[in-house]
PDB file of N, CA and C in Angstrom:
ATOM      1  N   UNK A   1       4.238 -10.183 -12.580  1.00  0.00           N
ATOM      2  CA  UNK A   1       4.179  -9.533 -13.768  1.00  0.00           C
ATOM      3  C   UNK A   1       3.650  -8.194 -13.731  1.00  0.00           C
ATOM      4  N   UNK A   2       2.379  -8.034 -12.816  1.00  0.00           N
ATOM      5  CA  UNK A   2       1.564  -6.970 -12.757  1.00  0.00           C
ATOM      6  C   UNK A   2       2.574  -5.889 -12.269  1.00  0.00           C
ATOM      7  N   UNK A   3       3.088  -6.305 -10.952  1.00  0.00           N
ATOM      8  CA  UNK A   3       3.952  -5.106 -10.435  1.00  0.00           C
ATOM      9  C   UNK A   3       5.059  -4.575 -11.310  1.00  0.00           C
ATOM     10  N   UNK A   4       5.360  -5.417 -12.359  1.00  0.00           N
ATOM     11  CA  UNK A   4       6.618  -5.129 -13.152  1.00  0.00           C
ATOM     12  C   UNK A   4       5.768  -4.128 -14.238  1.00  0.00           C
ATOM     13  N   UNK A   5       4.595  -4.548 -14.855  1.00  0.00           N
ATOM     14  CA  UNK A   5       4.048  -3.662 -15.782  1.00  0.00           C
ATOM     15  C   UNK A   5       3.636  -2.229 -15.142  1.00  0.00           C
ATOM     16  N   UNK A   6       2.985  -2.364 -13.927  1.00  0.00           N
ATOM     17  CA  UNK A   6       2.891  -1.383 -13.141  1.00  0.00           C
ATOM     18  C   UNK A   6       4.012  -0.193 -13.281  1.00  0.00           C
ATOM     19  N   UNK A   7       5.128  -0.764 -12.889  1.00  0.00           N
ATOM     20  CA  UNK A   7       6.453   0.101 -12.766  1.00  0.00           C
ATOM     21  C   UNK A   7       6.599   0.534 -14.012  1.00  0.00           C
ATOM     22  N   UNK A   8       6.542  -0.331 -15.167  1.00  0.00           N
ATOM     23  CA  UNK A   8       6.593   0.432 -16.431  1.00  0.00           C
ATOM     24  C   UNK A   8       5.860   1.587 -16.811  1.00  0.00           C
ATOM     25  N   UNK A   9       4.546   1.543 -16.337  1.00  0.00           N
ATOM     26  CA  UNK A   9       3.559   2.483 -16.660  1.00  0.00           C
ATOM     27  C   UNK A   9       3.890   3.740 -15.787  1.00  0.00           C
ATOM     28  N   UNK A  10       4.371   3.448 -14.698  1.00  0.00           N
ATOM     29  CA  UNK A  10       4.764   4.885 -13.962  1.00  0.00           C
ATOM     30  C   UNK A  10       5.876   5.574 -14.305  1.00  0.00           C
ATOM     31  N   UNK A  11       7.061   4.665 -14.841  1.00  0.00           N
ATOM     32  CA  UNK A  11       8.001   5.370 -15.651  1.00  0.00           C
ATOM     33  C   UNK A  11       7.674   5.912 -16.777  1.00  0.00           C
ATOM     34  N   UNK A  12       6.689   5.420 -17.619  1.00  0.00           N
ATOM     35  CA  UNK A  12       6.335   6.040 -18.813  1.00  0.00           C
ATOM     36  C   UNK A  12       5.452   7.216 -18.817  1.00  0.00           C
ATOM     37  N   UNK A  13       4.391   7.103 -17.983  1.00  0.00           N
ATOM     38  CA  UNK A  13       3.227   8.023 -17.661  1.00  0.00           C
ATOM     39  C   UNK A  13       3.151   8.851 -16.563  1.00  0.00           C
ATOM     40  N   UNK A  14       3.986   8.249 -15.468  1.00  0.00           N
ATOM     41  CA  UNK A  14       3.859   9.008 -14.177  1.00  0.00           C
ATOM     42  C   UNK A  14       3.121   8.250 -13.107  1.00  0.00           C
ATOM     43  N   UNK A  15       3.335   8.772 -11.892  1.00  0.00           N
ATOM     44  CA  UNK A  15       2.767   8.209 -10.809  1.00  0.00           C
ATOM     45  C   UNK A  15       1.209   8.726 -10.466  1.00  0.00           C
ATOM     46  N   UNK A  16       0.504   7.769 -10.307  1.00  0.00           N
ATOM     47  CA  UNK A  16      -1.073   8.158  -9.966  1.00  0.00           C
ATOM     48  C   UNK A  16      -1.723   7.441  -8.925  1.00  0.00           C
ATOM     49  N   UNK A  17      -2.617   7.942  -8.295  1.00  0.00           N
ATOM     50  CA  UNK A  17      -3.129   7.202  -6.989  1.00  0.00           C
ATOM     51  C   UNK A  17      -3.664   5.747  -7.449  1.00  0.00           C
ATOM     52  N   UNK A  18      -4.162   5.650  -8.655  1.00  0.00           N
ATOM     53  CA  UNK A  18      -4.592   4.312  -9.034  1.00  0.00           C
ATOM     54  C   UNK A  18      -3.399   3.428  -9.225  1.00  0.00           C
ATOM     55  N   UNK A  19      -2.117   3.743  -9.558  1.00  0.00           N
ATOM     56  CA  UNK A  19      -0.834   2.770  -9.765  1.00  0.00           C
ATOM     57  C   UNK A  19      -0.563   2.754  -8.415  1.00  0.00           C
ATOM     58  N   UNK A  20      -0.611   3.701  -7.211  1.00  0.00           N
ATOM     59  CA  UNK A  20      -0.202   3.120  -5.954  1.00  0.00           C
ATOM     60  C   UNK A  20      -1.191   2.262  -5.475  1.00  0.00           C
ATOM     61  N   UNK A  21      -2.507   2.307  -5.752  1.00  0.00           N
ATOM     62  CA  UNK A  21      -3.503   1.339  -5.502  1.00  0.00           C
ATOM     63  C   UNK A  21      -3.188   0.034  -5.661  1.00  0.00           C
ATOM     64  N   UNK A  22      -2.593  -0.278  -6.917  1.00  0.00           N
ATOM     65  CA  UNK A  22      -2.253  -1.530  -7.686  1.00  0.00           C
ATOM     66  C   UNK A  22      -1.304  -2.199  -6.750  1.00  0.00           C
ATOM     67  N   UNK A  23      -0.347  -1.201  -6.144  1.00  0.00           N
ATOM     68  CA  UNK A  23       0.754  -1.873  -5.473  1.00  0.00           C
ATOM     69  C   UNK A  23       0.252  -2.262  -3.996  1.00  0.00           C
ATOM     70  N   UNK A  24      -0.920  -1.467  -3.450  1.00  0.00           N
ATOM     71  CA  UNK A  24      -1.317  -1.807  -2.208  1.00  0.00           C
ATOM     72  C   UNK A  24      -2.204  -3.020  -2.275  1.00  0.00           C
ATOM     73  N   UNK A  25      -2.749  -3.103  -3.659  1.00  0.00           N
ATOM     74  CA  UNK A  25      -3.680  -4.407  -3.839  1.00  0.00           C
ATOM     75  C   UNK A  25      -2.833  -5.496  -3.755  1.00  0.00           C
ATOM     76  N   UNK A  26      -1.707  -5.565  -4.603  1.00  0.00           N
ATOM     77  CA  UNK A  26      -0.703  -6.834  -4.576  1.00  0.00           C
ATOM     78  C   UNK A  26      -0.016  -7.071  -3.344  1.00  0.00           C
ATOM     79  N   UNK A  27       0.047  -6.090  -2.386  1.00  0.00           N
ATOM     80  CA  UNK A  27       0.615  -6.404  -1.170  1.00  0.00           C
ATOM     81  C   UNK A  27      -0.500  -6.943  -0.220  1.00  0.00           C
ATOM     82  N   UNK A  28      -1.913  -6.558  -0.460  1.00  0.00           N
ATOM     83  CA  UNK A  28      -2.908  -7.279   0.390  1.00  0.00           C
ATOM     84  C   UNK A  28      -3.096  -8.653   0.042  1.00  0.00           C
ATOM     85  N   UNK A  29      -3.077  -8.756  -1.476  1.00  0.00           N
ATOM     86  CA  UNK A  29      -3.090 -10.345  -2.041  1.00  0.00           C
ATOM     87  C   UNK A  29      -2.005 -11.095  -1.576  1.00  0.00           C
ATOM     88  N   UNK A  30      -0.827 -10.540  -1.653  1.00  0.00           N
ATOM     89  CA  UNK A  30       0.370 -11.522  -1.102  1.00  0.00           C
ATOM     90  C   UNK A  30       0.351 -11.802   0.211  1.00  0.00           C
ATOM     91  N   UNK A  31      -0.109 -10.920   1.032  1.00  0.00           N
ATOM     92  CA  UNK A  31      -0.217 -11.340   2.641  1.00  0.00           C
ATOM     93  C   UNK A  31      -1.297 -12.314   2.787  1.00  0.00           C
ATOM     94  N   UNK A  32      -2.500 -12.302   2.104  1.00  0.00           N
ATOM     95  CA  UNK A  32      -3.573 -13.184   1.984  1.00  0.00           C
ATOM     96  C   UNK A  32      -3.029 -14.563   1.604  1.00  0.00           C
ATOM     97  N   UNK A  33      -2.297 -14.600   0.528  1.00  0.00           N
ATOM     98  CA  UNK A  33      -1.652 -15.930   0.267  1.00  0.00           C
ATOM     99  C   UNK A  33      -0.791 -16.415   1.276  1.00  0.00           C
ATOM    100  N   UNK A  34      -0.025 -15.779   1.816  1.00  0.00           N
ATOM    101  CA  UNK A  34       0.974 -16.214   2.820  1.00  0.00           C
ATOM    102  C   UNK A  34       0.205 -16.697   3.946  1.00  0.00           C
ATOM    103  N   UNK A  35      -0.835 -16.116   4.374  1.00  0.00           N
ATOM    104  CA  UNK A  35      -1.650 -16.688   5.529  1.00  0.00           C
ATOM    105  C   UNK A  35      -2.337 -17.752   5.044  1.00  0.00           C
ATOM    106  N   UNK A  36      -2.797 -17.885   3.781  1.00  0.00           N
ATOM    107  CA  UNK A  36      -3.447 -19.011   3.442  1.00  0.00           C
ATOM    108  C   UNK A  36      -2.517 -20.288   3.425  1.00  0.00           C
ATOM    109  N   UNK A  37      -1.370 -20.179   3.033  1.00  0.00           N
ATOM    110  CA  UNK A  37      -0.329 -21.288   3.220  1.00  0.00           C
ATOM    111  C   UNK A  37      -0.086 -21.678   4.525  1.00  0.00           C
ATOM    112  N   UNK A  38       0.176 -20.787   5.440  1.00  0.00           N
ATOM    113  CA  UNK A  38       0.157 -20.903   6.893  1.00  0.00           C
ATOM    114  C   UNK A  38      -0.941 -21.688   7.312  1.00  0.00           C
ATOM    115  N   UNK A  39      -2.199 -21.448   6.847  1.00  0.00           N
ATOM    116  CA  UNK A  39      -3.443 -21.925   7.220  1.00  0.00           C
ATOM    117  C   UNK A  39      -3.307 -23.568   6.896  1.00  0.00           C
ATOM    118  N   UNK A  40      -2.971 -23.696   5.637  1.00  0.00           N
ATOM    119  CA  UNK A  40      -3.090 -24.945   5.137  1.00  0.00           C
ATOM    120  C   UNK A  40      -1.908 -25.872   5.846  1.00  0.00           C
ATOM    121  N   UNK A  41      -0.791 -25.530   5.775  1.00  0.00           N
ATOM    122  CA  UNK A  41       0.380 -26.124   6.370  1.00  0.00           C
ATOM    123  C   UNK A  41       0.189 -26.575   7.760  1.00  0.00           C
ATOM    124  N   UNK A  42      -0.362 -25.687   8.671  1.00  0.00           N
ATOM    125  CA  UNK A  42      -0.506 -25.817  10.130  1.00  0.00           C
ATOM    126  C   UNK A  42      -1.755 -26.117  10.658  1.00  0.00           C
ATOM    127  N   UNK A  43      -2.633 -26.504   9.548  1.00  0.00           N
ATOM    128  CA  UNK A  43      -3.893 -26.965   9.984  1.00  0.00           C
ATOM    129  C   UNK A  43      -4.960 -25.859  10.921  1.00  0.00           C
ATOM    130  N   UNK A  44      -4.813 -24.692  10.431  1.00  0.00           N
ATOM    131  CA  UNK A  44      -5.502 -23.723  11.171  1.00  0.00           C
ATOM    132  C   UNK A  44      -6.794 -23.579  10.786  1.00  0.00           C
ATOM    133  N   UNK A  45      -7.748 -22.807  11.643  1.00  0.00           N
ATOM    134  CA  UNK A  45      -9.174 -22.651  11.331  1.00  0.00           C
ATOM    135  C   UNK A  45      -9.447 -21.811  10.208  1.00  0.00           C
ATOM    136  N   UNK A  46     -10.699 -21.760   9.731  1.00  0.00           N
ATOM    137  CA  UNK A  46     -11.102 -20.585   9.164  1.00  0.00           C
ATOM    138  C   UNK A  46     -11.209 -19.296   9.612  1.00  0.00           C
ATOM    139  N   UNK A  47     -11.477 -19.226  11.154  1.00  0.00           N
ATOM    140  CA  UNK A  47     -11.470 -18.057  11.883  1.00  0.00           C
ATOM    141  C   UNK A  47     -10.123 -17.443  11.836  1.00  0.00           C
ATOM    142  N   UNK A  48      -9.036 -18.431  11.865  1.00  0.00           N
ATOM    143  CA  UNK A  48      -7.670 -17.923  11.969  1.00  0.00           C
ATOM    144  C   UNK A  48      -7.307 -17.055  10.616  1.00  0.00           C
ATOM    145  N   UNK A  49      -7.810 -17.677   9.389  1.00  0.00           N
ATOM    146  CA  UNK A  49      -7.478 -17.059   8.070  1.00  0.00           C
ATOM    147  C   UNK A  49      -8.395 -15.514   8.064  1.00  0.00           C
ATOM    148  N   UNK A  50      -9.717 -15.522   8.354  1.00  0.00           N
ATOM    149  CA  UNK A  50     -10.317 -14.493   8.488  1.00  0.00           C
ATOM    150  C   UNK A  50      -9.753 -13.384   9.387  1.00  0.00           C
ATOM    151  N   UNK A  51      -9.514 -13.628  10.667  1.00  0.00           N
ATOM    152  CA  UNK A  51      -8.871 -12.803  11.497  1.00  0.00           C
ATOM    153  C   UNK A  51      -7.556 -12.145  10.923  1.00  0.00           C
ATOM    154  N   UNK A  52      -6.709 -12.994  10.512  1.00  0.00           N
ATOM    155  CA  UNK A  52      -5.267 -12.544  10.016  1.00  0.00           C
ATOM    156  C   UNK A  52      -5.336 -11.724   8.937  1.00  0.00           C
ATOM    157  N   UNK A  53      -6.219 -12.180   7.997  1.00  0.00           N
ATOM    158  CA  UNK A  53      -6.347 -11.261   6.475  1.00  0.00           C
ATOM    159  C   UNK A  53      -6.817 -10.082   6.921  1.00  0.00           C
ATOM    160  N   UNK A  54      -7.837 -10.008   7.798  1.00  0.00           N
ATOM    161  CA  UNK A  54      -8.699  -8.645   8.280  1.00  0.00           C
ATOM    162  C   UNK A  54      -7.649  -7.944   8.916  1.00  0.00           C
ATOM    163  N   UNK A  55      -6.878  -8.228   9.897  1.00  0.00           N
ATOM    164  CA  UNK A  55      -5.998  -7.583  10.495  1.00  0.00           C
ATOM    165  C   UNK A  55      -4.770  -6.915   9.666  1.00  0.00           C
ATOM    166  N   UNK A  56      -4.423  -7.840   8.765  1.00  0.00           N
ATOM    167  CA  UNK A  56      -3.167  -7.453   7.933  1.00  0.00           C
ATOM    168  C   UNK A  56      -3.630  -6.353   6.945  1.00  0.00           C
ATOM    169  N   UNK A  57      -4.927  -6.655   6.293  1.00  0.00           N
ATOM    170  CA  UNK A  57      -5.557  -5.441   5.410  1.00  0.00           C
ATOM    171  C   UNK A  57      -5.660  -4.161   6.307  1.00  0.00           C
ATOM    172  N   UNK A  58      -6.066  -4.213   7.538  1.00  0.00           N
ATOM    173  CA  UNK A  58      -6.302  -3.066   8.299  1.00  0.00           C
ATOM    174  C   UNK A  58      -5.036  -2.297   8.529  1.00  0.00           C
ATOM    175  N   UNK A  59      -3.781  -3.051   8.867  1.00  0.00           N
ATOM    176  CA  UNK A  59      -2.746  -2.374   9.194  1.00  0.00           C
ATOM    177  C   UNK A  59      -2.159  -1.989   7.937  1.00  0.00           C
ATOM    178  N   UNK A  60      -2.281  -2.478   6.548  1.00  0.00           N
ATOM    179  CA  UNK A  60      -1.615  -2.004   5.374  1.00  0.00           C
ATOM    180  C   UNK A  60      -2.261  -0.842   4.992  1.00  0.00           C
ATOM    181  N   UNK A  61      -3.611  -0.637   5.012  1.00  0.00           N
ATOM    182  CA  UNK A  61      -4.480   0.596   4.777  1.00  0.00           C
ATOM    183  C   UNK A  61      -4.260   1.731   5.802  1.00  0.00           C
ATOM    184  N   UNK A  62      -3.706   1.366   7.101  1.00  0.00           N
ATOM    185  CA  UNK A  62      -3.437   2.270   8.080  1.00  0.00           C
ATOM    186  C   UNK A  62      -2.047   2.861   7.717  1.00  0.00           C
ATOM    187  N   UNK A  63      -1.108   2.152   7.439  1.00  0.00           N
ATOM    188  CA  UNK A  63       0.324   2.707   7.009  1.00  0.00           C
ATOM    189  C   UNK A  63       0.101   3.599   5.611  1.00  0.00           C
ATOM    190  N   UNK A  64      -0.678   2.966   4.771  1.00  0.00           N
ATOM    191  CA  UNK A  64      -0.899   3.661   3.596  1.00  0.00           C
ATOM    192  C   UNK A  64      -1.556   5.206   3.862  1.00  0.00           C
ATOM    193  N   UNK A  65      -2.473   5.478   4.904  1.00  0.00           N
ATOM    194  CA  UNK A  65      -2.971   6.465   5.118  1.00  0.00           C
ATOM    195  C   UNK A  65      -2.132   7.620   5.916  1.00  0.00           C
ATOM    196  N   UNK A  66      -0.794   7.043   6.236  1.00  0.00           N
ATOM    197  CA  UNK A  66       0.125   7.901   7.069  1.00  0.00           C
ATOM    198  C   UNK A  66       0.967   8.805   6.122  1.00  0.00           C
ATOM    199  N   UNK A  67       0.888   8.481   4.890  1.00  0.00           N
ATOM    200  CA  UNK A  67       1.729   9.201   3.935  1.00  0.00           C
ATOM    201  C   UNK A  67       0.826  10.278   3.057  1.00  0.00           C
ATOM    202  N   UNK A  68       1.594  11.506   2.909  1.00  0.00           N
ATOM    203  CA  UNK A  68       0.908  12.408   1.871  1.00  0.00           C
ATOM    204  C   UNK A  68       1.141  11.905   0.524  1.00  0.00           C
ATOM    205  N   UNK A  69       0.330  11.160  -0.117  1.00  0.00           N
ATOM    206  CA  UNK A  69       0.470  10.747  -1.368  1.00  0.00           C
ATOM    207  C   UNK A  69       0.348  11.728  -2.553  1.00  0.00           C
ATOM    208  N   UNK A  70      -0.353  12.946  -2.352  1.00  0.00           N
ATOM    209  CA  UNK A  70      -0.367  13.856  -3.327  1.00  0.00           C
ATOM    210  C   UNK A  70       0.992  14.603  -3.520  1.00  0.00           C
ATOM    211  N   UNK A  71       1.512  14.735  -2.239  1.00  0.00           N
ATOM    212  CA  UNK A  71       3.048  15.402  -2.296  1.00  0.00           C
ATOM    213  C   UNK A  71       3.957  14.663  -2.923  1.00  0.00           C
ATOM    214  N   UNK A  72       3.883  13.180  -2.746  1.00  0.00           N
ATOM    215  CA  UNK A  72       4.861  12.130  -3.105  1.00  0.00           C
ATOM    216  C   UNK A  72       4.556  12.002  -4.909  1.00  0.00           C
ATOM    217  N   UNK A  73       3.350  11.913  -5.276  1.00  0.00           N
ATOM    218  CA  UNK A  73       3.050  11.837  -6.679  1.00  0.00           C
ATOM    219  C   UNK A  73       3.400  13.160  -7.284  1.00  0.00           C
ATOM    220  N   UNK A  74       3.305  14.473  -6.876  1.00  0.00           N
ATOM    221  CA  UNK A  74       3.909  15.508  -7.492  1.00  0.00           C
ATOM    222  C   UNK A  74       5.313  15.663  -7.655  1.00  0.00           C
ATOM    223  N   UNK A  75       5.918  15.324  -6.456  1.00  0.00           N
ATOM    224  CA  UNK A  75       7.551  15.408  -6.513  1.00  0.00           C
ATOM    225  C   UNK A  75       8.036  14.172  -7.493  1.00  0.00           C
ATOM    226  N   UNK A  76       7.509  13.187  -7.408  1.00  0.00           N
ATOM    227  CA  UNK A  76       7.955  12.085  -8.617  1.00  0.00           C
ATOM    228  C   UNK A  76       7.637  12.466  -9.773  1.00  0.00           C
ATOM    229  N   UNK A  77       6.308  12.913 -10.290  1.00  0.00           N
ATOM    230  CA  UNK A  77       6.268  13.498 -11.494  1.00  0.00           C
ATOM    231  C   UNK A  77       7.036  14.485 -12.151  1.00  0.00           C
ATOM    232  N   UNK A  78       7.373  15.423 -11.101  1.00  0.00           N
ATOM    233  CA  UNK A  78       8.027  16.569 -11.601  1.00  0.00           C
ATOM    234  C   UNK A  78       9.516  16.348 -11.779  1.00  0.00           C
ATOM    235  N   UNK A  79       9.983  15.237 -11.277  1.00  0.00           N
ATOM    236  CA  UNK A  79      11.507  15.138 -11.206  1.00  0.00           C
ATOM    237  C   UNK A  79      11.833  14.240 -12.596  1.00  0.00           C
TER     238      UNK A  79
END
């Protein structure tokens, strides 16, 4: 529901850095939940959970940094 509300805010008020941050946060939480489910089902250690969540967050933020978000925001809001 948060993703849907965020999309509605983007359509109504435009794209901002904070709204992009909401999607990044939701992606980090979703990957964390997936790794938690894997940990429980396959009886992995706490070290596995910390390692995989840390690496997945690092990779998500690294990919996030590859884009020029200011340019994307301006193009979206002007269209």
